[in-house]
């Protein structure tokens, strides 16, 4: 896959540029640097002593672990697995990084409802992590959002949860949206969900192909180099494609795999040959950082909405989600108690 080497080239260029400017490599080039960076973050922000000093609540602790530690894996994870094009590990990196994003977004105020998680959910779908739908897009949670995430999530609610009573309104909103001037991405992702609803193979194929092209024009990051890197692998489009399999096997079998360098056809063929395995945890954190491992193993709460004084719109209740997630984490037993040397040896052996 040509784009995997392009990704690695861009990644190393950014790391070298950081060293020349600041005297350290960021992002990390190897496991040693990655783990040293994690240790620095942990000791500066996440120790029990610091939490005690700051009187940090469990809800804040969850947010800090997700945002300061869990977020560090994504680019390094892909950089590592792209070196070998090992599809099982690619699947696992997607699982862990998309799960971290979804949990982090659900615990972070954004002035929006639950539909802001759509893109992260699509990435999760690409490793067959469909269980997240019931938590992040619960049944009967209809969005008033007029932008494409709201339109698509409402259609997902109708298609996946079989909410036929909401179908007419969801379709009306989609039709109204398409009559406006939209970007190629916004237009075609709505068209894909409509094609999925109507089981229109031709429309779905066309939308997927157009989305691959549009993916190259989207802004994925405020940093130019990361923006270029993230255009290399369209996990969200893989997720859209794979969602069809969940909804209707026969419909999925009739779809055409998109032809574009950002869509890894080999990845899809591997999934088909291996019966579409769900991703799993790629990297286990050391014992002192085990709280993050437990977050990933905890039962995921359901997103809820609430009214805010400043606006009549319903917004996601991040405080309640963080509280319930922290309570869920507290019920998860500690991970296996390996000493640091044993854990590092096992981790590196796994990824060799």
Protein backbone atom coordinates (compact mmCIF):
# COMPACT_ATOMS: atom_id res chain seq x y z
CA UNK A 1 0.00 0.00 0.00
CA UNK A 2 1.77 3.09 -1.31
CA UNK A 3 0.11 5.48 1.12
CA UNK A 4 1.49 3.71 4.18
CA UNK A 5 5.04 4.60 3.16
CA UNK A 6 3.96 8.14 2.34
CA UNK A 7 2.50 8.38 5.85
CA UNK A 8 5.75 7.19 7.41
CA UNK A 9 7.79 9.63 5.33
CA UNK A 10 5.65 12.58 6.41
CA UNK A 11 5.75 11.38 10.01
CA UNK A 12 9.54 11.22 10.12
CA UNK A 13 9.82 14.63 8.46
CA UNK A 14 7.71 16.14 11.23
CA UNK A 15 9.74 14.38 13.91
CA UNK A 16 13.02 15.63 12.43
CA UNK A 17 11.68 19.16 12.08
CA UNK A 18 10.72 19.13 15.73
CA UNK A 19 14.21 17.99 16.72
CA UNK A 20 15.84 20.75 14.70
CA UNK A 21 13.57 23.39 16.23
CA UNK A 22 13.22 22.21 19.81
CA UNK A 23 15.88 19.58 20.42
CA UNK A 24 13.55 16.60 20.82
CA UNK A 25 11.69 14.28 18.46
CA UNK A 26 7.95 14.81 18.31
CA UNK A 27 6.20 12.63 17.30
CA UNK A 28 8.36 9.79 18.67
CA UNK A 29 10.34 7.64 16.21
CA UNK A 30 10.39 4.38 18.17
CA UNK A 31 8.96 2.55 21.19
CA UNK A 32 11.61 3.91 23.54
CA UNK A 33 10.75 7.54 22.70
CA UNK A 34 7.03 6.83 22.79
CA UNK A 35 7.20 5.30 26.26
CA UNK A 36 9.49 8.01 27.56
CA UNK A 37 7.02 10.66 26.37
CA UNK A 38 4.21 8.85 28.17
CA UNK A 39 6.24 8.71 31.37
CA UNK A 40 6.87 12.47 31.20
CA UNK A 41 3.17 13.20 30.74
CA UNK A 42 2.19 10.81 33.50
CA UNK A 43 4.64 12.17 36.05
CA UNK A 44 3.78 15.77 35.27
CA UNK A 45 -0.02 15.51 35.28
CA UNK A 46 -1.39 12.10 36.23
CA UNK A 47 0.19 10.85 39.45
CA UNK A 48 -1.91 10.08 42.51
CA UNK A 49 0.02 12.72 44.41
CA UNK A 50 -0.88 15.41 41.89
CA UNK A 51 -4.54 14.37 41.87
CA UNK A 52 -4.58 14.53 45.65
CA UNK A 53 -2.90 17.93 45.64
CA UNK A 54 -5.37 19.33 43.12
CA UNK A 55 -8.33 17.50 44.70
CA UNK A 56 -9.06 15.97 41.32
CA UNK A 57 -12.43 14.22 41.04
CA UNK A 58 -12.75 10.83 39.32
CA UNK A 59 -14.62 12.56 36.47
CA UNK A 60 -11.71 14.92 35.84
CA UNK A 61 -9.26 12.05 36.17
CA UNK A 62 -11.03 10.20 33.35
CA UNK A 63 -10.88 13.27 31.12
CA UNK A 64 -7.19 13.87 31.84
CA UNK A 65 -6.18 10.31 31.07
CA UNK A 66 -8.09 10.29 27.80
CA UNK A 67 -6.90 13.70 26.66
CA UNK A 68 -3.31 13.78 27.87
CA UNK A 69 -2.22 10.15 27.60
CA UNK A 70 -4.61 8.20 25.37
CA UNK A 71 -4.44 10.77 22.59
CA UNK A 72 -0.68 10.19 22.14
CA UNK A 73 -1.01 6.80 20.46
CA UNK A 74 -2.78 7.57 17.19
CA UNK A 75 -0.04 8.82 14.86
CA UNK A 76 2.68 6.71 16.44
CA UNK A 77 0.46 3.62 16.29
CA UNK A 78 -0.13 3.94 12.56
CA UNK A 79 3.52 4.85 11.97
CA UNK A 80 4.53 1.59 13.66
CA UNK A 81 2.09 -0.79 11.98
CA UNK A 82 2.38 0.80 8.53
CA UNK A 83 6.01 -0.29 8.46
CA UNK A 84 4.88 -3.91 8.03
CA UNK A 85 1.34 -3.50 6.63
CA UNK A 86 0.17 -5.91 9.32
CA UNK A 87 -3.60 -5.73 8.97
CA UNK A 88 -4.50 -7.19 12.36
CA UNK A 89 -2.42 -4.53 14.09
CA UNK A 90 -3.84 -1.79 11.85
CA UNK A 91 -7.28 -3.01 12.93
CA UNK A 92 -6.23 -2.83 16.58
CA UNK A 93 -4.75 0.67 16.30
CA UNK A 94 -8.04 1.85 14.79
CA UNK A 95 -9.98 0.23 17.62
CA UNK A 96 -7.98 1.81 20.43
CA UNK A 97 -7.60 5.28 18.91
CA UNK A 98 -11.23 5.60 17.80
CA UNK A 99 -12.42 4.38 21.20
CA UNK A 100 -10.24 6.99 22.92
CA UNK A 101 -11.59 9.75 20.66
CA UNK A 102 -15.19 8.76 21.24
CA UNK A 103 -14.81 8.66 25.02
CA UNK A 104 -12.84 11.89 25.08
CA UNK A 105 -15.37 13.72 22.93
CA UNK A 106 -18.26 12.46 25.06
CA UNK A 107 -16.63 13.90 28.19
CA UNK A 108 -15.62 17.25 26.66
CA UNK A 109 -17.98 20.21 26.33
CA UNK A 110 -18.41 21.39 22.75
CA UNK A 111 -21.69 23.26 22.60
CA UNK A 112 -23.13 20.49 20.39
CA UNK A 113 -25.25 17.40 20.70
CA UNK A 114 -24.12 13.78 20.30
CA UNK A 115 -23.75 13.95 16.51
CA UNK A 116 -20.30 15.53 16.73
CA UNK A 117 -18.99 12.00 17.32
CA UNK A 118 -20.03 10.78 13.86
CA UNK A 119 -16.60 10.85 12.20
CA UNK A 120 -14.95 9.05 15.12
CA UNK A 121 -17.73 6.47 15.06
CA UNK A 122 -17.16 5.85 11.36
CA UNK A 123 -13.51 5.11 12.12
CA UNK A 124 -14.66 2.65 14.78
CA UNK A 125 -16.88 0.94 12.22
CA UNK A 126 -13.82 0.29 10.04
CA UNK A 127 -12.55 -2.17 12.68
CA UNK A 128 -16.07 -3.58 13.20
CA UNK A 129 -16.58 -1.87 16.55
CA UNK A 130 -20.32 -1.48 16.11
CA UNK A 131 -21.22 -1.86 19.77
CA UNK A 132 -20.45 1.83 20.21
CA UNK A 133 -23.63 2.75 18.33
CA UNK A 134 -25.90 2.00 21.28
CA UNK A 135 -23.78 4.17 23.59
CA UNK A 136 -23.02 7.17 21.43
CA UNK A 137 -26.14 7.17 19.22
CA UNK A 138 -28.83 5.69 21.47
CA UNK A 139 -32.25 4.75 20.23
CA UNK A 140 -34.78 7.60 20.11
CA UNK A 141 -32.10 10.33 20.43
CA UNK A 142 -33.12 12.54 17.50
CA UNK A 143 -30.88 15.46 16.55
CA UNK A 144 -31.96 18.98 15.66
CA UNK A 145 -28.58 19.66 14.08
CA UNK A 146 -28.95 21.03 10.53
CA UNK A 147 -25.43 20.07 9.41
CA UNK A 148 -24.40 16.75 7.88
CA UNK A 149 -23.55 14.95 11.17
CA UNK A 150 -27.07 15.49 12.48
CA UNK A 151 -28.67 14.49 9.18
CA UNK A 152 -26.59 11.30 9.01
CA UNK A 153 -27.04 10.30 12.65
CA UNK A 154 -30.81 10.67 12.34
CA UNK A 155 -30.73 8.41 9.27
CA UNK A 156 -28.53 5.96 11.19
CA UNK A 157 -31.12 5.98 13.96
CA UNK A 158 -33.80 5.06 11.45
CA UNK A 159 -31.73 2.42 9.65
CA UNK A 160 -29.95 0.74 12.57
CA UNK A 161 -32.51 1.14 15.35
CA UNK A 162 -35.39 0.69 12.89
CA UNK A 163 -37.05 3.86 14.14
CA UNK A 164 -39.67 3.95 11.40
CA UNK A 165 -41.64 6.63 13.24
CA UNK A 166 -38.70 9.02 12.67
CA UNK A 167 -38.09 8.06 9.04
CA UNK A 168 -40.29 10.70 7.40
CA UNK A 169 -38.73 13.55 9.36
CA UNK A 170 -35.18 12.25 8.86
CA UNK A 171 -35.74 11.96 5.10
CA UNK A 172 -37.33 15.42 4.94
CA UNK A 173 -34.33 16.96 6.69
CA UNK A 174 -31.94 15.12 4.37
CA UNK A 175 -33.81 16.36 1.29
CA UNK A 176 -33.80 19.92 2.61
CA UNK A 177 -30.06 19.67 3.33
CA UNK A 178 -29.26 18.47 -0.19
CA UNK A 179 -31.06 21.44 -1.74
CA UNK A 180 -28.49 23.75 -0.15
CA UNK A 181 -24.99 24.43 -1.39
CA UNK A 182 -22.68 21.94 0.33
CA UNK A 183 -19.14 20.63 0.08
CA UNK A 184 -18.59 17.42 -1.87
CA UNK A 185 -17.96 15.54 1.38
CA UNK A 186 -21.06 16.84 3.16
CA UNK A 187 -23.29 16.14 0.18
CA UNK A 188 -22.02 12.64 -0.54
CA UNK A 189 -21.99 11.36 3.01
CA UNK A 190 -25.70 12.26 3.24
CA UNK A 191 -26.27 10.66 -0.16
CA UNK A 192 -24.57 7.49 1.07
CA UNK A 193 -26.82 7.23 4.12
CA UNK A 194 -29.85 7.78 1.88
CA UNK A 195 -28.58 5.07 -0.48
CA UNK A 196 -28.19 2.77 2.50
CA UNK A 197 -31.74 3.54 3.59
CA UNK A 198 -33.15 2.91 0.10
CA UNK A 199 -30.74 -0.01 -0.58
CA UNK A 200 -29.59 1.72 -3.75
CA UNK A 201 -26.30 0.05 -4.71
CA UNK A 202 -25.52 2.37 -7.61
CA UNK A 203 -25.97 5.53 -5.53
CA UNK A 204 -23.96 4.07 -2.67
CA UNK A 205 -21.06 3.15 -4.96
CA UNK A 206 -20.99 6.60 -6.49
CA UNK A 207 -21.13 8.30 -3.10
CA UNK A 208 -18.26 6.20 -1.72
CA UNK A 209 -16.07 6.98 -4.72
CA UNK A 210 -16.84 10.69 -4.48
CA UNK A 211 -16.09 10.65 -0.77
CA UNK A 212 -12.60 9.28 -1.44
CA UNK A 213 -11.89 12.27 -3.67
CA UNK A 214 -13.44 14.70 -1.22
CA UNK A 215 -11.36 13.24 1.61
CA UNK A 216 -8.26 14.76 0.04
CA UNK A 217 -9.75 18.27 0.15
CA UNK A 218 -10.90 18.13 3.76
CA UNK A 219 -9.04 19.71 6.66
CA UNK A 220 -8.22 16.94 9.13
CA UNK A 221 -5.84 18.86 11.37
CA UNK A 222 -4.77 22.44 12.03
CA UNK A 223 -1.16 21.35 11.47
CA UNK A 224 -0.28 20.99 7.80
CA UNK A 225 1.91 17.92 8.21
CA UNK A 226 -0.69 16.01 10.24
CA UNK A 227 -3.36 17.08 7.78
CA UNK A 228 -1.34 15.47 4.98
CA UNK A 229 -0.73 12.34 7.04
CA UNK A 230 -4.37 11.81 7.91
CA UNK A 231 -5.38 12.06 4.26
CA UNK A 232 -3.38 8.90 3.60
CA UNK A 233 -5.87 6.50 5.19
CA UNK A 234 -9.61 7.19 5.10
CA UNK A 235 -10.75 5.05 8.00
CA UNK A 236 -14.10 6.88 8.01
CA UNK A 237 -14.85 5.75 4.44
CA UNK A 238 -13.90 2.18 5.32
CA UNK A 239 -16.36 2.56 8.18
CA UNK A 240 -19.14 3.73 5.89
CA UNK A 241 -18.49 0.84 3.55
CA UNK A 242 -18.44 -1.65 6.43
CA UNK A 243 -21.62 -0.21 7.96
CA UNK A 244 -23.48 -1.60 4.96
CA UNK A 245 -22.48 -5.11 6.01
CA UNK A 246 -24.00 -4.58 9.44
CA UNK A 247 -27.25 -3.29 7.96
CA UNK A 248 -27.75 -5.66 5.04
CA UNK A 249 -25.35 -8.47 4.05
CA UNK A 250 -26.77 -8.88 0.55
CA UNK A 251 -26.63 -5.15 -0.11
CA UNK A 252 -23.02 -5.07 1.10
CA UNK A 253 -22.00 -7.96 -1.16
CA UNK A 254 -23.24 -6.00 -4.17
CA UNK A 255 -21.20 -2.89 -3.36
CA UNK A 256 -18.01 -2.14 -5.27
CA UNK A 257 -14.86 -1.57 -3.25
CA UNK A 258 -13.80 2.05 -3.89
CA UNK A 259 -10.67 2.56 -5.98
CA UNK A 260 -8.53 5.25 -4.42
CA UNK A 261 -5.12 5.38 -2.75
CA UNK A 262 -6.70 6.54 0.56
CA UNK A 263 -8.94 3.46 0.61
CA UNK A 264 -6.90 0.33 1.33
CA UNK A 265 -8.45 -2.43 -0.74
CA UNK A 266 -5.99 -4.94 0.74
CA UNK A 267 -7.34 -4.10 4.19
CA UNK A 268 -10.87 -4.92 3.05
CA UNK A 269 -9.77 -8.18 1.44
CA UNK A 270 -8.03 -9.16 4.69
CA UNK A 271 -11.25 -8.49 6.59
CA UNK A 272 -13.23 -10.63 4.19
CA UNK A 273 -10.74 -13.49 4.42
CA UNK A 274 -10.78 -13.32 8.22
CA UNK A 275 -14.55 -12.97 8.71
CA UNK A 276 -14.39 -9.27 9.63
CA UNK A 277 -12.77 -9.40 13.08
CA UNK A 278 -13.44 -6.68 15.61
CA UNK A 279 -10.38 -4.71 16.69
CA UNK A 280 -8.94 -5.00 20.17
CA UNK A 281 -6.54 -3.08 22.39
CA UNK A 282 -3.26 -2.50 20.53
CA UNK A 283 -1.10 -1.08 23.32
CA UNK A 284 -1.33 -1.91 27.02
CA UNK A 285 -0.06 0.86 29.28
CA UNK A 286 2.37 0.07 32.13
CA UNK A 287 1.08 -0.69 35.59
CA UNK A 288 1.43 2.84 36.92
CA UNK A 289 -0.79 4.06 34.05
CA UNK A 290 -3.23 1.16 34.34
CA UNK A 291 -6.16 3.51 34.92
CA UNK A 292 -6.26 4.13 31.15
CA UNK A 293 -6.33 0.40 30.43
CA UNK A 294 -9.28 0.13 32.80
CA UNK A 295 -11.07 3.00 31.04
CA UNK A 296 -10.90 1.05 27.78
CA UNK A 297 -12.22 -2.09 29.49
CA UNK A 298 -15.05 -0.31 31.29
CA UNK A 299 -18.68 -0.48 30.24
CA UNK A 300 -19.50 2.55 28.12
CA UNK A 301 -22.39 4.73 29.38
CA UNK A 302 -25.06 6.03 27.04
CA UNK A 303 -24.82 9.61 25.86
CA UNK A 304 -27.69 11.79 27.03
CA UNK A 305 -28.77 15.31 26.13
CA UNK A 306 -29.80 18.20 28.33
CA UNK A 307 -30.87 21.81 28.01
CA UNK A 308 -28.51 24.64 28.86
CA UNK A 309 -29.50 28.07 30.12
CA UNK A 310 -27.60 29.83 27.35
CA UNK A 311 -29.42 28.12 24.47
CA UNK A 312 -32.71 26.28 23.84
CA UNK A 313 -30.79 23.58 21.95
CA UNK A 314 -30.17 20.22 23.53
CA UNK A 315 -26.49 19.45 24.15
CA UNK A 316 -24.70 16.33 25.27
CA UNK A 317 -24.46 15.97 29.02
CA UNK A 318 -20.69 15.60 29.36
CA UNK A 319 -20.75 15.81 33.16
CA UNK A 320 -23.13 12.87 33.50
CA UNK A 321 -21.23 10.80 30.94
CA UNK A 322 -17.91 11.43 32.74
CA UNK A 323 -19.48 10.59 36.09
CA UNK A 324 -20.98 7.32 34.85
CA UNK A 325 -17.78 6.37 33.03
CA UNK A 326 -15.72 7.00 36.18
CA UNK A 327 -18.14 4.84 38.17
CA UNK A 328 -17.82 2.12 35.55
CA UNK A 329 -14.01 2.29 35.62
CA UNK A 330 -14.07 1.89 39.41
CA UNK A 331 -15.68 -1.54 38.92
CA UNK A 332 -12.93 -2.76 36.57
CA UNK A 333 -10.25 -4.84 38.33
CA UNK A 334 -6.58 -3.89 37.85
CA UNK A 335 -4.75 -5.35 34.87
CA UNK A 336 -2.32 -8.19 35.27
CA UNK A 337 0.48 -7.04 37.56
CA UNK A 338 3.57 -7.30 35.35
CA UNK A 339 6.76 -5.61 36.39
CA UNK A 340 7.94 -2.88 33.95
CA UNK A 341 10.64 -4.99 32.30
CA UNK A 342 8.28 -7.92 31.68
CA UNK A 343 5.62 -5.65 30.23
CA UNK A 344 8.01 -3.85 27.87
CA UNK A 345 9.47 -7.15 26.66
CA UNK A 346 5.99 -8.55 25.98
CA UNK A 347 4.85 -5.35 24.28
CA UNK A 348 7.82 -5.17 21.92
CA UNK A 349 7.68 -8.87 21.13
CA UNK A 350 4.03 -8.42 20.16
CA UNK A 351 4.82 -5.65 17.70
CA UNK A 352 7.94 -7.15 16.13
